[in-house]
Amino acid sequence: MIAGVFVFVLWLAIAVFYIACGWKIFTKAGQPGWACIIPFYNIWVMLKIVNRPGWWLIMMLIPFVSIVFGIIVVVDLAKAFGKSVGFAIFMILLGFIAYPMLAFGSAQYTRPVRAAA
């Protein structure tokens, strides 16, 4: 019983931390922070942040295809905050360290120059 409560509290703390990271990343990019907690809408806003077309949302819902599109979005997110592809790989492999660095660090959002289709 106590172990179950401990696991739940730990899970809740981790979830709140990741929501705070997402909220901060969204607000740094000039988007509403609350959008990070709304399913599907958060993907839509993330695509807007990285300047990708909205139809990518459909691709992000297809198994296996979403992996490729997700990697592209992470690379674009890193670039949108002035980071390198190396940092994007860091985000993919060690996201629990990289996303807080992006959210609470000194990285500034610069709108990607790619034209959205």
N, C-alpha and C. Protein backbone atom coordinates (compact mmCIF):
# COMPACT_ATOMS: atom_id res chain seq x y z
N MET A 1 0.83 -1.20 0.00
CA MET A 1 0.00 0.00 0.00
C MET A 1 0.87 1.26 0.00
N ILE A 2 1.83 1.31 0.91
CA ILE A 2 2.70 2.49 1.00
C ILE A 2 3.56 2.60 -0.25
N ALA A 3 4.02 1.46 -0.77
CA ALA A 3 4.83 1.48 -1.99
C ALA A 3 4.01 2.01 -3.15
N GLY A 4 2.75 1.63 -3.23
CA GLY A 4 1.88 2.12 -4.29
C GLY A 4 1.66 3.61 -4.22
N VAL A 5 1.47 4.12 -3.02
CA VAL A 5 1.30 5.56 -2.83
C VAL A 5 2.59 6.29 -3.21
N PHE A 6 3.73 5.74 -2.80
CA PHE A 6 5.02 6.35 -3.15
C PHE A 6 5.21 6.40 -4.66
N VAL A 7 4.91 5.30 -5.35
CA VAL A 7 5.05 5.26 -6.81
C VAL A 7 4.12 6.27 -7.45
N PHE A 8 2.89 6.39 -6.96
CA PHE A 8 1.95 7.36 -7.52
C PHE A 8 2.44 8.79 -7.31
N VAL A 9 2.92 9.10 -6.12
CA VAL A 9 3.41 10.46 -5.84
C VAL A 9 4.63 10.76 -6.71
N LEU A 10 5.52 9.78 -6.86
CA LEU A 10 6.68 9.97 -7.72
C LEU A 10 6.26 10.20 -9.17
N TRP A 11 5.33 9.39 -9.67
CA TRP A 11 4.82 9.56 -11.03
C TRP A 11 4.18 10.93 -11.20
N LEU A 12 3.40 11.36 -10.22
CA LEU A 12 2.75 12.66 -10.28
C LEU A 12 3.77 13.80 -10.31
N ALA A 13 4.82 13.69 -9.51
CA ALA A 13 5.87 14.71 -9.49
C ALA A 13 6.58 14.79 -10.84
N ILE A 14 6.87 13.64 -11.43
CA ILE A 14 7.52 13.62 -12.74
C ILE A 14 6.60 14.22 -13.80
N ALA A 15 5.32 13.88 -13.75
CA ALA A 15 4.36 14.42 -14.72
C ALA A 15 4.26 15.94 -14.60
N VAL A 16 4.19 16.45 -13.40
CA VAL A 16 4.10 17.90 -13.19
C VAL A 16 5.38 18.58 -13.69
N PHE A 17 6.54 17.96 -13.46
CA PHE A 17 7.80 18.52 -13.93
C PHE A 17 7.82 18.61 -15.46
N TYR A 18 7.39 17.53 -16.14
CA TYR A 18 7.38 17.55 -17.61
C TYR A 18 6.35 18.53 -18.15
N ILE A 19 5.23 18.69 -17.47
CA ILE A 19 4.24 19.69 -17.88
C ILE A 19 4.86 21.09 -17.75
N ALA A 20 5.58 21.32 -16.66
CA ALA A 20 6.24 22.63 -16.47
C ALA A 20 7.26 22.88 -17.57
N CYS A 21 8.01 21.85 -17.95
CA CYS A 21 8.99 22.00 -19.04
C CYS A 21 8.29 22.34 -20.35
N GLY A 22 7.26 21.59 -20.68
CA GLY A 22 6.51 21.85 -21.91
C GLY A 22 5.88 23.23 -21.91
N TRP A 23 5.32 23.61 -20.77
CA TRP A 23 4.68 24.92 -20.63
C TRP A 23 5.70 26.02 -20.91
N LYS A 24 6.88 25.88 -20.33
CA LYS A 24 7.92 26.90 -20.50
C LYS A 24 8.42 26.96 -21.95
N ILE A 25 8.58 25.81 -22.59
CA ILE A 25 9.01 25.78 -23.99
C ILE A 25 7.97 26.45 -24.86
N PHE A 26 6.69 26.15 -24.63
CA PHE A 26 5.62 26.77 -25.42
C PHE A 26 5.59 28.28 -25.21
N THR A 27 5.73 28.73 -23.96
CA THR A 27 5.66 30.18 -23.73
C THR A 27 6.90 30.89 -24.29
N LYS A 28 8.06 30.24 -24.24
CA LYS A 28 9.26 30.83 -24.85
C LYS A 28 9.05 31.02 -26.35
N ALA A 29 8.27 30.14 -26.96
CA ALA A 29 8.02 30.22 -28.39
C ALA A 29 6.83 31.11 -28.73
N GLY A 30 6.28 31.78 -27.73
CA GLY A 30 5.18 32.71 -27.98
C GLY A 30 3.82 32.04 -28.12
N GLN A 31 3.70 30.83 -27.65
CA GLN A 31 2.44 30.09 -27.71
C GLN A 31 1.87 29.99 -26.29
N PRO A 32 0.58 29.70 -26.18
CA PRO A 32 0.02 29.56 -24.82
C PRO A 32 0.58 28.31 -24.13
N GLY A 33 1.03 28.47 -22.91
CA GLY A 33 1.62 27.36 -22.18
C GLY A 33 0.65 26.23 -21.92
N TRP A 34 -0.62 26.57 -21.66
CA TRP A 34 -1.62 25.54 -21.37
C TRP A 34 -1.82 24.59 -22.54
N ALA A 35 -1.41 24.97 -23.73
CA ALA A 35 -1.58 24.12 -24.91
C ALA A 35 -0.80 22.82 -24.79
N CYS A 36 0.22 22.79 -23.98
CA CYS A 36 1.04 21.58 -23.86
C CYS A 36 0.31 20.45 -23.17
N ILE A 37 -0.79 20.73 -22.48
CA ILE A 37 -1.50 19.67 -21.77
C ILE A 37 -2.75 19.18 -22.49
N ILE A 38 -3.05 19.75 -23.64
CA ILE A 38 -4.24 19.34 -24.40
C ILE A 38 -3.81 18.34 -25.48
N PRO A 39 -4.31 17.09 -25.39
CA PRO A 39 -3.91 16.09 -26.39
C PRO A 39 -4.25 16.55 -27.82
N PHE A 40 -3.41 16.21 -28.75
CA PHE A 40 -3.50 16.53 -30.18
C PHE A 40 -3.27 18.01 -30.45
N TYR A 41 -3.89 18.88 -29.65
CA TYR A 41 -3.66 20.31 -29.84
C TYR A 41 -2.20 20.64 -29.54
N ASN A 42 -1.60 19.93 -28.58
CA ASN A 42 -0.19 20.19 -28.27
C ASN A 42 0.71 19.84 -29.45
N ILE A 43 0.35 18.81 -30.19
CA ILE A 43 1.13 18.47 -31.40
C ILE A 43 0.95 19.57 -32.44
N TRP A 44 -0.27 20.03 -32.61
CA TRP A 44 -0.58 21.09 -33.57
C TRP A 44 0.25 22.34 -33.26
N VAL A 45 0.28 22.73 -31.99
CA VAL A 45 1.03 23.92 -31.58
C VAL A 45 2.53 23.68 -31.76
N MET A 46 3.01 22.49 -31.44
CA MET A 46 4.43 22.18 -31.63
C MET A 46 4.80 22.29 -33.11
N LEU A 47 3.93 21.81 -33.99
CA LEU A 47 4.18 21.94 -35.42
C LEU A 47 4.23 23.41 -35.83
N LYS A 48 3.39 24.21 -35.19
CA LYS A 48 3.40 25.65 -35.45
C LYS A 48 4.72 26.27 -34.97
N ILE A 49 5.20 25.83 -33.83
CA ILE A 49 6.46 26.34 -33.27
C ILE A 49 7.63 26.05 -34.21
N VAL A 50 7.66 24.83 -34.77
CA VAL A 50 8.78 24.45 -35.64
C VAL A 50 8.50 24.78 -37.10
N ASN A 51 7.38 25.45 -37.35
CA ASN A 51 7.01 25.92 -38.69
C ASN A 51 6.86 24.77 -39.69
N ARG A 52 6.15 23.76 -39.28
CA ARG A 52 5.80 22.65 -40.16
C ARG A 52 4.31 22.72 -40.46
N PRO A 53 3.88 22.18 -41.60
CA PRO A 53 2.46 22.26 -41.98
C PRO A 53 1.56 21.46 -41.04
N GLY A 54 0.33 21.91 -40.92
CA GLY A 54 -0.63 21.27 -40.03
C GLY A 54 -0.98 19.84 -40.39
N TRP A 55 -0.86 19.47 -41.67
CA TRP A 55 -1.21 18.11 -42.05
C TRP A 55 -0.23 17.09 -41.47
N TRP A 56 0.90 17.55 -40.95
CA TRP A 56 1.83 16.65 -40.29
C TRP A 56 1.20 16.02 -39.05
N LEU A 57 0.18 16.67 -38.49
CA LEU A 57 -0.51 16.10 -37.34
C LEU A 57 -1.06 14.72 -37.69
N ILE A 58 -1.60 14.57 -38.87
CA ILE A 58 -2.12 13.27 -39.31
C ILE A 58 -0.98 12.25 -39.39
N MET A 59 0.15 12.68 -39.92
CA MET A 59 1.29 11.78 -40.02
C MET A 59 1.82 11.37 -38.64
N MET A 60 1.69 12.27 -37.68
CA MET A 60 2.16 11.98 -36.32
C MET A 60 1.27 10.96 -35.62
N LEU A 61 0.11 10.65 -36.18
CA LEU A 61 -0.80 9.68 -35.58
C LEU A 61 -0.65 8.28 -36.19
N ILE A 62 0.16 8.14 -37.22
CA ILE A 62 0.35 6.86 -37.89
C ILE A 62 1.54 6.14 -37.26
N PRO A 63 1.32 4.90 -36.79
CA PRO A 63 2.43 4.16 -36.17
C PRO A 63 3.63 4.04 -37.12
N PHE A 64 4.82 4.07 -36.56
CA PHE A 64 6.11 3.99 -37.24
C PHE A 64 6.40 5.24 -38.07
N VAL A 65 5.45 5.73 -38.83
CA VAL A 65 5.64 6.97 -39.58
C VAL A 65 5.86 8.11 -38.59
N SER A 66 5.14 8.04 -37.47
CA SER A 66 5.25 9.09 -36.46
C SER A 66 6.65 9.17 -35.87
N ILE A 67 7.38 8.06 -35.86
CA ILE A 67 8.74 8.08 -35.33
C ILE A 67 9.63 8.98 -36.19
N VAL A 68 9.54 8.82 -37.51
CA VAL A 68 10.34 9.62 -38.43
C VAL A 68 9.94 11.09 -38.33
N PHE A 69 8.64 11.37 -38.36
CA PHE A 69 8.18 12.75 -38.29
C PHE A 69 8.51 13.36 -36.92
N GLY A 70 8.43 12.55 -35.86
CA GLY A 70 8.78 13.03 -34.52
C GLY A 70 10.23 13.42 -34.41
N ILE A 71 11.11 12.64 -35.02
CA ILE A 71 12.54 12.96 -35.00
C ILE A 71 12.78 14.27 -35.74
N ILE A 72 12.11 14.45 -36.87
CA ILE A 72 12.26 15.70 -37.63
C ILE A 72 11.78 16.88 -36.80
N VAL A 73 10.68 16.71 -36.09
CA VAL A 73 10.15 17.79 -35.26
C VAL A 73 11.12 18.12 -34.12
N VAL A 74 11.72 17.11 -33.51
CA VAL A 74 12.69 17.36 -32.43
C VAL A 74 13.91 18.12 -32.97
N VAL A 75 14.39 17.72 -34.13
CA VAL A 75 15.53 18.42 -34.74
C VAL A 75 15.14 19.87 -35.04
N ASP A 76 13.95 20.07 -35.59
CA ASP A 76 13.48 21.43 -35.88
C ASP A 76 13.29 22.24 -34.60
N LEU A 77 12.83 21.58 -33.52
CA LEU A 77 12.66 22.28 -32.25
C LEU A 77 14.01 22.75 -31.71
N ALA A 78 14.99 21.88 -31.78
CA ALA A 78 16.34 22.27 -31.33
C ALA A 78 16.84 23.45 -32.15
N LYS A 79 16.69 23.38 -33.46
CA LYS A 79 17.15 24.47 -34.32
C LYS A 79 16.37 25.76 -34.05
N ALA A 80 15.07 25.63 -33.75
CA ALA A 80 14.24 26.82 -33.48
C ALA A 80 14.71 27.56 -32.23
N PHE A 81 15.40 26.85 -31.35
CA PHE A 81 15.94 27.47 -30.15
C PHE A 81 17.44 27.71 -30.25
N GLY A 82 17.96 27.67 -31.48
CA GLY A 82 19.36 27.98 -31.71
C GLY A 82 20.32 26.88 -31.32
N LYS A 83 19.83 25.67 -31.20
CA LYS A 83 20.68 24.54 -30.83
C LYS A 83 21.05 23.74 -32.07
N SER A 84 22.00 22.85 -31.92
CA SER A 84 22.51 22.08 -33.05
C SER A 84 21.77 20.75 -33.18
N VAL A 85 22.09 20.03 -34.25
CA VAL A 85 21.55 18.69 -34.44
C VAL A 85 22.06 17.77 -33.33
N GLY A 86 23.27 18.02 -32.86
CA GLY A 86 23.81 17.26 -31.74
C GLY A 86 22.94 17.39 -30.50
N PHE A 87 22.45 18.60 -30.25
CA PHE A 87 21.55 18.80 -29.11
C PHE A 87 20.23 18.08 -29.36
N ALA A 88 19.78 18.03 -30.61
CA ALA A 88 18.55 17.31 -30.93
C ALA A 88 18.71 15.82 -30.63
N ILE A 89 19.87 15.27 -30.96
CA ILE A 89 20.14 13.86 -30.64
C ILE A 89 20.14 13.68 -29.12
N PHE A 90 20.72 14.64 -28.41
CA PHE A 90 20.69 14.64 -26.95
C PHE A 90 19.25 14.65 -26.44
N MET A 91 18.38 15.44 -27.09
CA MET A 91 16.97 15.50 -26.71
C MET A 91 16.28 14.15 -26.93
N ILE A 92 16.64 13.48 -28.00
CA ILE A 92 16.02 12.19 -28.31
C ILE A 92 16.49 11.12 -27.33
N LEU A 93 17.78 11.10 -27.04
CA LEU A 93 18.34 10.04 -26.21
C LEU A 93 18.19 10.29 -24.71
N LEU A 94 18.35 11.52 -24.29
CA LEU A 94 18.29 11.87 -22.87
C LEU A 94 17.35 13.06 -22.66
N GLY A 95 16.11 12.89 -23.08
CA GLY A 95 15.13 13.96 -23.00
C GLY A 95 14.88 14.47 -21.60
N PHE A 96 14.99 13.59 -20.60
CA PHE A 96 14.74 14.01 -19.22
C PHE A 96 15.78 15.02 -18.73
N ILE A 97 16.90 15.13 -19.43
CA ILE A 97 17.90 16.16 -19.11
C ILE A 97 17.80 17.32 -20.09
N ALA A 98 17.63 17.01 -21.38
CA ALA A 98 17.69 18.03 -22.43
C ALA A 98 16.47 18.96 -22.43
N TYR A 99 15.27 18.42 -22.24
CA TYR A 99 14.08 19.28 -22.28
C TYR A 99 14.08 20.31 -21.15
N PRO A 100 14.44 19.93 -19.91
CA PRO A 100 14.55 20.98 -18.89
C PRO A 100 15.63 22.02 -19.21
N MET A 101 16.72 21.58 -19.83
CA MET A 101 17.76 22.53 -20.24
C MET A 101 17.20 23.52 -21.26
N LEU A 102 16.42 23.01 -22.20
CA LEU A 102 15.83 23.87 -23.22
C LEU A 102 14.80 24.81 -22.60
N ALA A 103 14.00 24.27 -21.69
CA ALA A 103 12.93 25.06 -21.09
C ALA A 103 13.45 26.13 -20.15
N PHE A 104 14.34 25.76 -19.25
CA PHE A 104 14.75 26.67 -18.18
C PHE A 104 16.13 27.28 -18.40
N GLY A 105 16.78 26.90 -19.49
CA GLY A 105 18.09 27.45 -19.79
C GLY A 105 17.99 28.78 -20.52
N SER A 106 19.09 29.20 -21.08
CA SER A 106 19.16 30.51 -21.73
C SER A 106 18.77 30.49 -23.20
N ALA A 107 18.35 29.35 -23.73
CA ALA A 107 17.99 29.25 -25.15
C ALA A 107 16.83 30.18 -25.48
N GLN A 108 16.97 30.91 -26.57
CA GLN A 108 15.94 31.83 -27.03
C GLN A 108 15.30 31.31 -28.31
N TYR A 109 14.01 31.48 -28.42
CA TYR A 109 13.28 31.02 -29.61
C TYR A 109 13.50 31.99 -30.76
N THR A 110 13.87 31.44 -31.91
CA THR A 110 13.95 32.22 -33.15
C THR A 110 13.09 31.47 -34.17
N ARG A 111 12.13 32.13 -34.70
CA ARG A 111 11.19 31.46 -35.62
C ARG A 111 11.97 30.86 -36.80
N PRO A 112 11.74 29.56 -37.09
CA PRO A 112 12.40 28.94 -38.24
C PRO A 112 12.02 29.65 -39.53
N VAL A 113 12.94 29.74 -40.46
CA VAL A 113 12.71 30.47 -41.71
C VAL A 113 12.01 29.63 -42.76
N ARG A 114 11.88 28.33 -42.55
CA ARG A 114 11.24 27.45 -43.53
C ARG A 114 9.80 27.89 -43.74
N ALA A 115 9.40 27.98 -44.97
CA ALA A 115 8.03 28.37 -45.29
C ALA A 115 7.11 27.19 -45.09
N ALA A 116 6.04 27.41 -44.32
CA ALA A 116 5.05 26.34 -44.10
C ALA A 116 4.20 26.19 -45.34
N ALA A 117 3.92 24.94 -45.70
CA ALA A 117 3.12 24.67 -46.90
C ALA A 117 1.66 24.73 -46.58
